[in-house]
Amino acid sequence: MGSHDIIAWLVIGAIAGWLAGKLVKGSGFGLLVDIIVGIVGAFLGGWLSGVLGISLGAGWIASIITATIGAVILLFVVRLFKRA
């Protein structure tokens, strides 16, 4: 994994985390937490799309969409547990 790959993960994670924060009631959580939520969401979204057999294609846009969907699911689950 090269430094370009890590930078790409951080950029996609930041965008996906920020979008997820905007889509799930409330705003973003700050850059660092947005990146973490986005990266974890990317893993979750990638895993779910593989399990469900869904492919959004390749490239930056598909990666951001997949990561955002995973991050939204992650935030929804976290907020469910936070309320309880």
PDB file of N, CA and C in Angstrom:
ATOM      1  N   MET A   1       0.851  -1.165   0.000  1.00  0.00           N
ATOM      2  CA  MET A   1       0.000   0.000   0.000  1.00  0.00           C
ATOM      3  C   MET A   1       0.903   1.236   0.000  1.00  0.00           C
ATOM      4  N   GLY A   2       0.756   2.066  -0.992  1.00  0.00           N
ATOM      5  CA  GLY A   2       1.575   3.250  -1.109  1.00  0.00           C
ATOM      6  C   GLY A   2       0.947   4.441  -0.413  1.00  0.00           C
ATOM      7  N   SER A   3       1.690   5.527  -0.368  1.00  0.00           N
ATOM      8  CA  SER A   3       1.182   6.724   0.288  1.00  0.00           C
ATOM      9  C   SER A   3      -0.019   7.298  -0.453  1.00  0.00           C
ATOM     10  N   HIS A   4      -0.096   7.078  -1.771  1.00  0.00           N
ATOM     11  CA  HIS A   4      -1.251   7.555  -2.531  1.00  0.00           C
ATOM     12  C   HIS A   4      -2.521   6.808  -2.114  1.00  0.00           C
ATOM     13  N   ASP A   5      -2.382   5.520  -1.815  1.00  0.00           N
ATOM     14  CA  ASP A   5      -3.532   4.734  -1.381  1.00  0.00           C
ATOM     15  C   ASP A   5      -4.064   5.238  -0.048  1.00  0.00           C
ATOM     16  N   ILE A   6      -3.161   5.545   0.861  1.00  0.00           N
ATOM     17  CA  ILE A   6      -3.569   6.032   2.179  1.00  0.00           C
ATOM     18  C   ILE A   6      -4.256   7.386   2.049  1.00  0.00           C
ATOM     19  N   ILE A   7      -3.717   8.245   1.216  1.00  0.00           N
ATOM     20  CA  ILE A   7      -4.331   9.558   0.997  1.00  0.00           C
ATOM     21  C   ILE A   7      -5.715   9.397   0.381  1.00  0.00           C
ATOM     22  N   ALA A   8      -5.859   8.474  -0.563  1.00  0.00           N
ATOM     23  CA  ALA A   8      -7.168   8.224  -1.178  1.00  0.00           C
ATOM     24  C   ALA A   8      -8.162   7.741  -0.127  1.00  0.00           C
ATOM     25  N   TRP A   9      -7.746   6.840   0.747  1.00  0.00           N
ATOM     26  CA  TRP A   9      -8.623   6.351   1.815  1.00  0.00           C
ATOM     27  C   TRP A   9      -9.059   7.495   2.717  1.00  0.00           C
ATOM     28  N   LEU A  10      -8.125   8.370   3.069  1.00  0.00           N
ATOM     29  CA  LEU A  10      -8.446   9.492   3.941  1.00  0.00           C
ATOM     30  C   LEU A  10      -9.415  10.462   3.275  1.00  0.00           C
ATOM     31  N   VAL A  11      -9.199  10.733   1.998  1.00  0.00           N
ATOM     32  CA  VAL A  11     -10.088  11.655   1.275  1.00  0.00           C
ATOM     33  C   VAL A  11     -11.479  11.051   1.149  1.00  0.00           C
ATOM     34  N   ILE A  12     -11.552   9.797   0.722  1.00  0.00           N
ATOM     35  CA  ILE A  12     -12.860   9.130   0.592  1.00  0.00           C
ATOM     36  C   ILE A  12     -13.532   9.020   1.958  1.00  0.00           C
ATOM     37  N   GLY A  13     -12.762   8.673   2.984  1.00  0.00           N
ATOM     38  CA  GLY A  13     -13.316   8.582   4.336  1.00  0.00           C
ATOM     39  C   GLY A  13     -13.850   9.911   4.829  1.00  0.00           C
ATOM     40  N   ALA A  14     -13.108  10.980   4.582  1.00  0.00           N
ATOM     41  CA  ALA A  14     -13.552  12.310   5.028  1.00  0.00           C
ATOM     42  C   ALA A  14     -14.840  12.720   4.320  1.00  0.00           C
ATOM     43  N   ILE A  15     -14.892  12.512   3.018  1.00  0.00           N
ATOM     44  CA  ILE A  15     -16.091  12.890   2.253  1.00  0.00           C
ATOM     45  C   ILE A  15     -17.284  12.046   2.687  1.00  0.00           C
ATOM     46  N   ALA A  16     -17.089  10.737   2.791  1.00  0.00           N
ATOM     47  CA  ALA A  16     -18.184   9.836   3.168  1.00  0.00           C
ATOM     48  C   ALA A  16     -18.651  10.114   4.591  1.00  0.00           C
ATOM     49  N   GLY A  17     -17.723  10.336   5.515  1.00  0.00           N
ATOM     50  CA  GLY A  17     -18.098  10.633   6.895  1.00  0.00           C
ATOM     51  C   GLY A  17     -18.865  11.940   7.009  1.00  0.00           C
ATOM     52  N   TRP A  18     -18.404  12.948   6.278  1.00  0.00           N
ATOM     53  CA  TRP A  18     -19.089  14.242   6.289  1.00  0.00           C
ATOM     54  C   TRP A  18     -20.500  14.113   5.713  1.00  0.00           C
ATOM     55  N   LEU A  19     -20.615  13.422   4.562  1.00  0.00           N
ATOM     56  CA  LEU A  19     -21.934  13.224   3.951  1.00  0.00           C
ATOM     57  C   LEU A  19     -22.861  12.453   4.881  1.00  0.00           C
ATOM     58  N   ALA A  20     -22.346  11.406   5.509  1.00  0.00           N
ATOM     59  CA  ALA A  20     -23.166  10.607   6.422  1.00  0.00           C
ATOM     60  C   ALA A  20     -23.628  11.452   7.603  1.00  0.00           C
ATOM     61  N   GLY A  21     -22.738  12.304   8.123  1.00  0.00           N
ATOM     62  CA  GLY A  21     -23.114  13.189   9.220  1.00  0.00           C
ATOM     63  C   GLY A  21     -24.222  14.146   8.827  1.00  0.00           C
ATOM     64  N   LYS A  22     -24.212  14.587   7.567  1.00  0.00           N
ATOM     65  CA  LYS A  22     -25.252  15.480   7.082  1.00  0.00           C
ATOM     66  C   LYS A  22     -26.566  14.737   6.822  1.00  0.00           C
ATOM     67  N   LEU A  23     -26.480  13.494   6.360  1.00  0.00           N
ATOM     68  CA  LEU A  23     -27.679  12.725   6.024  1.00  0.00           C
ATOM     69  C   LEU A  23     -28.402  12.185   7.252  1.00  0.00           C
ATOM     70  N   VAL A  24     -27.629  11.800   8.263  1.00  0.00           N
ATOM     71  CA  VAL A  24     -28.225  11.296   9.498  1.00  0.00           C
ATOM     72  C   VAL A  24     -28.328  12.496  10.422  1.00  0.00           C
ATOM     73  N   LYS A  25     -29.527  12.804  10.877  1.00  0.00           N
ATOM     74  CA  LYS A  25     -29.782  14.019  11.648  1.00  0.00           C
ATOM     75  C   LYS A  25     -28.556  14.566  12.354  1.00  0.00           C
ATOM     76  N   GLY A  26     -28.319  15.804  12.145  1.00  0.00           N
ATOM     77  CA  GLY A  26     -27.183  16.448  12.781  1.00  0.00           C
ATOM     78  C   GLY A  26     -26.142  16.815  11.746  1.00  0.00           C
ATOM     79  N   SER A  27     -25.028  17.292  12.242  1.00  0.00           N
ATOM     80  CA  SER A  27     -23.969  17.685  11.331  1.00  0.00           C
ATOM     81  C   SER A  27     -22.774  16.781  11.520  1.00  0.00           C
ATOM     82  N   GLY A  28     -21.691  17.120  10.866  1.00  0.00           N
ATOM     83  CA  GLY A  28     -20.468  16.347  10.978  1.00  0.00           C
ATOM     84  C   GLY A  28     -19.933  16.382  12.393  1.00  0.00           C
ATOM     85  N   PHE A  29     -18.966  15.537  12.667  1.00  0.00           N
ATOM     86  CA  PHE A  29     -18.412  15.411  14.011  1.00  0.00           C
ATOM     87  C   PHE A  29     -17.010  15.981  14.094  1.00  0.00           C
ATOM     88  N   GLY A  30     -16.584  16.677  13.089  1.00  0.00           N
ATOM     89  CA  GLY A  30     -15.206  17.134  13.029  1.00  0.00           C
ATOM     90  C   GLY A  30     -14.443  16.263  12.052  1.00  0.00           C
ATOM     91  N   LEU A  31     -13.369  16.793  11.517  1.00  0.00           N
ATOM     92  CA  LEU A  31     -12.650  16.117  10.445  1.00  0.00           C
ATOM     93  C   LEU A  31     -12.146  14.736  10.841  1.00  0.00           C
ATOM     94  N   LEU A  32     -11.520  14.608  12.001  1.00  0.00           N
ATOM     95  CA  LEU A  32     -10.943  13.328  12.402  1.00  0.00           C
ATOM     96  C   LEU A  32     -12.008  12.252  12.571  1.00  0.00           C
ATOM     97  N   VAL A  33     -13.082  12.572  13.272  1.00  0.00           N
ATOM     98  CA  VAL A  33     -14.148  11.578  13.478  1.00  0.00           C
ATOM     99  C   VAL A  33     -14.864  11.287  12.166  1.00  0.00           C
ATOM    100  N   ASP A  34     -15.044  12.307  11.318  1.00  0.00           N
ATOM    101  CA  ASP A  34     -15.655  12.075  10.001  1.00  0.00           C
ATOM    102  C   ASP A  34     -14.819  11.087   9.188  1.00  0.00           C
ATOM    103  N   ILE A  35     -13.506  11.240   9.228  1.00  0.00           N
ATOM    104  CA  ILE A  35     -12.621  10.326   8.493  1.00  0.00           C
ATOM    105  C   ILE A  35     -12.751   8.911   9.049  1.00  0.00           C
ATOM    106  N   ILE A  36     -12.751   8.780  10.363  1.00  0.00           N
ATOM    107  CA  ILE A  36     -12.856   7.451  10.984  1.00  0.00           C
ATOM    108  C   ILE A  36     -14.194   6.809  10.632  1.00  0.00           C
ATOM    109  N   VAL A  37     -15.274   7.567  10.778  1.00  0.00           N
ATOM    110  CA  VAL A  37     -16.608   7.041  10.445  1.00  0.00           C
ATOM    111  C   VAL A  37     -16.671   6.665   8.964  1.00  0.00           C
ATOM    112  N   GLY A  38     -16.093   7.490   8.113  1.00  0.00           N
ATOM    113  CA  GLY A  38     -16.101   7.207   6.672  1.00  0.00           C
ATOM    114  C   GLY A  38     -15.316   5.958   6.318  1.00  0.00           C
ATOM    115  N   ILE A  39     -14.142   5.766   6.942  1.00  0.00           N
ATOM    116  CA  ILE A  39     -13.323   4.582   6.651  1.00  0.00           C
ATOM    117  C   ILE A  39     -14.005   3.322   7.171  1.00  0.00           C
ATOM    118  N   VAL A  40     -14.521   3.376   8.388  1.00  0.00           N
ATOM    119  CA  VAL A  40     -15.248   2.210   8.920  1.00  0.00           C
ATOM    120  C   VAL A  40     -16.498   1.962   8.075  1.00  0.00           C
ATOM    121  N   GLY A  41     -17.160   3.034   7.670  1.00  0.00           N
ATOM    122  CA  GLY A  41     -18.325   2.910   6.797  1.00  0.00           C
ATOM    123  C   GLY A  41     -17.975   2.303   5.452  1.00  0.00           C
ATOM    124  N   ALA A  42     -16.790   2.616   4.949  1.00  0.00           N
ATOM    125  CA  ALA A  42     -16.351   2.034   3.676  1.00  0.00           C
ATOM    126  C   ALA A  42     -16.196   0.527   3.799  1.00  0.00           C
ATOM    127  N   PHE A  43     -15.601   0.086   4.904  1.00  0.00           N
ATOM    128  CA  PHE A  43     -15.488  -1.361   5.128  1.00  0.00           C
ATOM    129  C   PHE A  43     -16.871  -1.995   5.253  1.00  0.00           C
ATOM    130  N   LEU A  44     -17.740  -1.368   6.032  1.00  0.00           N
ATOM    131  CA  LEU A  44     -19.093  -1.894   6.223  1.00  0.00           C
ATOM    132  C   LEU A  44     -19.866  -1.910   4.907  1.00  0.00           C
ATOM    133  N   GLY A  45     -19.810  -0.802   4.173  1.00  0.00           N
ATOM    134  CA  GLY A  45     -20.509  -0.726   2.882  1.00  0.00           C
ATOM    135  C   GLY A  45     -19.961  -1.718   1.871  1.00  0.00           C
ATOM    136  N   GLY A  46     -18.634  -1.866   1.830  1.00  0.00           N
ATOM    137  CA  GLY A  46     -18.020  -2.838   0.924  1.00  0.00           C
ATOM    138  C   GLY A  46     -18.403  -4.258   1.266  1.00  0.00           C
ATOM    139  N   TRP A  47     -18.414  -4.562   2.564  1.00  0.00           N
ATOM    140  CA  TRP A  47     -18.792  -5.909   3.013  1.00  0.00           C
ATOM    141  C   TRP A  47     -20.257  -6.183   2.670  1.00  0.00           C
ATOM    142  N   LEU A  48     -21.133  -5.220   2.986  1.00  0.00           N
ATOM    143  CA  LEU A  48     -22.559  -5.412   2.705  1.00  0.00           C
ATOM    144  C   LEU A  48     -22.838  -5.547   1.211  1.00  0.00           C
ATOM    145  N   SER A  49     -22.177  -4.742   0.398  1.00  0.00           N
ATOM    146  CA  SER A  49     -22.420  -4.850  -1.042  1.00  0.00           C
ATOM    147  C   SER A  49     -21.939  -6.193  -1.576  1.00  0.00           C
ATOM    148  N   GLY A  50     -20.863  -6.733  -1.003  1.00  0.00           N
ATOM    149  CA  GLY A  50     -20.392  -8.058  -1.404  1.00  0.00           C
ATOM    150  C   GLY A  50     -21.356  -9.155  -0.992  1.00  0.00           C
ATOM    151  N   VAL A  51     -21.857  -9.060   0.236  1.00  0.00           N
ATOM    152  CA  VAL A  51     -22.802 -10.060   0.745  1.00  0.00           C
ATOM    153  C   VAL A  51     -24.099 -10.028  -0.051  1.00  0.00           C
ATOM    154  N   LEU A  52     -24.559  -8.823  -0.379  1.00  0.00           N
ATOM    155  CA  LEU A  52     -25.823  -8.687  -1.105  1.00  0.00           C
ATOM    156  C   LEU A  52     -25.662  -8.801  -2.615  1.00  0.00           C
ATOM    157  N   GLY A  53     -24.428  -8.870  -3.095  1.00  0.00           N
ATOM    158  CA  GLY A  53     -24.180  -8.999  -4.523  1.00  0.00           C
ATOM    159  C   GLY A  53     -24.465  -7.734  -5.309  1.00  0.00           C
ATOM    160  N   ILE A  54     -24.298  -6.581  -4.660  1.00  0.00           N
ATOM    161  CA  ILE A  54     -24.557  -5.293  -5.297  1.00  0.00           C
ATOM    162  C   ILE A  54     -23.228  -4.674  -5.704  1.00  0.00           C
ATOM    163  N   SER A  55     -23.154  -4.172  -6.921  1.00  0.00           N
ATOM    164  CA  SER A  55     -21.940  -3.506  -7.384  1.00  0.00           C
ATOM    165  C   SER A  55     -22.305  -2.135  -7.936  1.00  0.00           C
ATOM    166  N   LEU A  56     -21.658  -1.116  -7.375  1.00  0.00           N
ATOM    167  CA  LEU A  56     -21.895   0.243  -7.864  1.00  0.00           C
ATOM    168  C   LEU A  56     -20.874   0.654  -8.899  1.00  0.00           C
ATOM    169  N   GLY A  57     -19.981  -0.248  -9.241  1.00  0.00           N
ATOM    170  CA  GLY A  57     -18.951   0.054 -10.217  1.00  0.00           C
ATOM    171  C   GLY A  57     -17.627   0.348  -9.542  1.00  0.00           C
ATOM    172  N   ALA A  58     -16.724   0.926 -10.312  1.00  0.00           N
ATOM    173  CA  ALA A  58     -15.392   1.236  -9.794  1.00  0.00           C
ATOM    174  C   ALA A  58     -15.170   2.736  -9.885  1.00  0.00           C
ATOM    175  N   GLY A  59     -14.171   3.201  -9.210  1.00  0.00           N
ATOM    176  CA  GLY A  59     -13.820   4.611  -9.278  1.00  0.00           C
ATOM    177  C   GLY A  59     -14.149   5.352  -7.999  1.00  0.00           C
ATOM    178  N   TRP A  60     -13.772   6.625  -8.013  1.00  0.00           N
ATOM    179  CA  TRP A  60     -13.932   7.479  -6.833  1.00  0.00           C
ATOM    180  C   TRP A  60     -15.390   7.638  -6.431  1.00  0.00           C
ATOM    181  N   ILE A  61     -16.261   7.917  -7.380  1.00  0.00           N
ATOM    182  CA  ILE A  61     -17.672   8.179  -7.068  1.00  0.00           C
ATOM    183  C   ILE A  61     -18.323   6.943  -6.461  1.00  0.00           C
ATOM    184  N   ALA A  62     -18.088   5.784  -7.055  1.00  0.00           N
ATOM    185  CA  ALA A  62     -18.661   4.543  -6.523  1.00  0.00           C
ATOM    186  C   ALA A  62     -18.116   4.262  -5.133  1.00  0.00           C
ATOM    187  N   SER A  63     -16.841   4.525  -4.905  1.00  0.00           N
ATOM    188  CA  SER A  63     -16.245   4.320  -3.586  1.00  0.00           C
ATOM    189  C   SER A  63     -16.856   5.252  -2.550  1.00  0.00           C
ATOM    190  N   ILE A  64     -17.068   6.501  -2.930  1.00  0.00           N
ATOM    191  CA  ILE A  64     -17.668   7.466  -2.003  1.00  0.00           C
ATOM    192  C   ILE A  64     -19.106   7.081  -1.694  1.00  0.00           C
ATOM    193  N   ILE A  65     -19.856   6.656  -2.696  1.00  0.00           N
ATOM    194  CA  ILE A  65     -21.250   6.247  -2.469  1.00  0.00           C
ATOM    195  C   ILE A  65     -21.307   5.032  -1.549  1.00  0.00           C
ATOM    196  N   THR A  66     -20.475   4.021  -1.821  1.00  0.00           N
ATOM    197  CA  THR A  66     -20.443   2.818  -0.992  1.00  0.00           C
ATOM    198  C   THR A  66     -20.047   3.155   0.437  1.00  0.00           C
ATOM    199  N   ALA A  67     -19.011   3.974   0.596  1.00  0.00           N
ATOM    200  CA  ALA A  67     -18.552   4.362   1.931  1.00  0.00           C
ATOM    201  C   ALA A  67     -19.613   5.178   2.660  1.00  0.00           C
ATOM    202  N   THR A  68     -20.306   6.053   1.942  1.00  0.00           N
ATOM    203  CA  THR A  68     -21.348   6.871   2.565  1.00  0.00           C
ATOM    204  C   THR A  68     -22.502   6.015   3.034  1.00  0.00           C
ATOM    205  N   ILE A  69     -22.921   5.063   2.229  1.00  0.00           N
ATOM    206  CA  ILE A  69     -23.999   4.165   2.632  1.00  0.00           C
ATOM    207  C   ILE A  69     -23.595   3.395   3.884  1.00  0.00           C
ATOM    208  N   GLY A  70     -22.381   2.868   3.896  1.00  0.00           N
ATOM    209  CA  GLY A  70     -21.896   2.157   5.078  1.00  0.00           C
ATOM    210  C   GLY A  70     -21.810   3.061   6.287  1.00  0.00           C
ATOM    211  N   ALA A  71     -21.354   4.301   6.107  1.00  0.00           N
ATOM    212  CA  ALA A  71     -21.239   5.243   7.219  1.00  0.00           C
ATOM    213  C   ALA A  71     -22.609   5.646   7.755  1.00  0.00           C
ATOM    214  N   VAL A  72     -23.584   5.811   6.872  1.00  0.00           N
ATOM    215  CA  VAL A  72     -24.951   6.129   7.315  1.00  0.00           C
ATOM    216  C   VAL A  72     -25.502   4.982   8.158  1.00  0.00           C
ATOM    217  N   ILE A  73     -25.310   3.760   7.711  1.00  0.00           N
ATOM    218  CA  ILE A  73     -25.764   2.590   8.480  1.00  0.00           C
ATOM    219  C   ILE A  73     -25.059   2.557   9.831  1.00  0.00           C
ATOM    220  N   LEU A  74     -23.746   2.798   9.820  1.00  0.00           N
ATOM    221  CA  LEU A  74     -22.969   2.812  11.060  1.00  0.00           C
ATOM    222  C   LEU A  74     -23.488   3.871  12.022  1.00  0.00           C
ATOM    223  N   LEU A  75     -23.709   5.086  11.547  1.00  0.00           N
ATOM    224  CA  LEU A  75     -24.208   6.154  12.407  1.00  0.00           C
ATOM    225  C   LEU A  75     -25.603   5.853  12.928  1.00  0.00           C
ATOM    226  N   PHE A  76     -26.445   5.266  12.093  1.00  0.00           N
ATOM    227  CA  PHE A  76     -27.795   4.905  12.522  1.00  0.00           C
ATOM    228  C   PHE A  76     -27.736   3.893  13.666  1.00  0.00           C
ATOM    229  N   VAL A  77     -26.892   2.879  13.535  1.00  0.00           N
ATOM    230  CA  VAL A  77     -26.760   1.856  14.579  1.00  0.00           C
ATOM    231  C   VAL A  77     -26.168   2.459  15.857  1.00  0.00           C
ATOM    232  N   VAL A  78     -25.139   3.299  15.702  1.00  0.00           N
ATOM    233  CA  VAL A  78     -24.520   3.935  16.875  1.00  0.00           C
ATOM    234  C   VAL A  78     -25.540   4.798  17.612  1.00  0.00           C
ATOM    235  N   ARG A  79     -26.330   5.547  16.886  1.00  0.00           N
ATOM    236  CA  ARG A  79     -27.336   6.404  17.529  1.00  0.00           C
ATOM    237  C   ARG A  79     -28.457   5.597  18.169  1.00  0.00           C
ATOM    238  N   LEU A  80     -28.764   4.423  17.629  1.00  0.00           N
ATOM    239  CA  LEU A  80     -29.756   3.560  18.281  1.00  0.00           C
ATOM    240  C   LEU A  80     -29.251   3.111  19.656  1.00  0.00           C
ATOM    241  N   PHE A  81     -27.983   2.707  19.709  1.00  0.00           N
ATOM    242  CA  PHE A  81     -27.410   2.260  20.974  1.00  0.00           C
ATOM    243  C   PHE A  81     -27.181   3.421  21.921  1.00  0.00           C
ATOM    244  N   LYS A  82     -26.908   4.586  21.405  1.00  0.00           N
ATOM    245  CA  LYS A  82     -26.651   5.765  22.218  1.00  0.00           C
ATOM    246  C   LYS A  82     -27.930   6.203  22.949  1.00  0.00           C
ATOM    247  N   ARG A  83     -29.058   6.037  22.296  1.00  0.00           N
ATOM    248  CA  ARG A  83     -30.358   6.411  22.900  1.00  0.00           C
ATOM    249  C   ARG A  83     -30.767   5.460  24.014  1.00  0.00           C
ATOM    250  N   ALA A  84     -30.358   4.201  23.878  1.00  0.00           N
ATOM    251  CA  ALA A  84     -30.791   3.183  24.861  1.00  0.00           C
ATOM    252  C   ALA A  84     -30.037   3.291  26.159  1.00  0.00           C
TER     253      ALA A  84
END
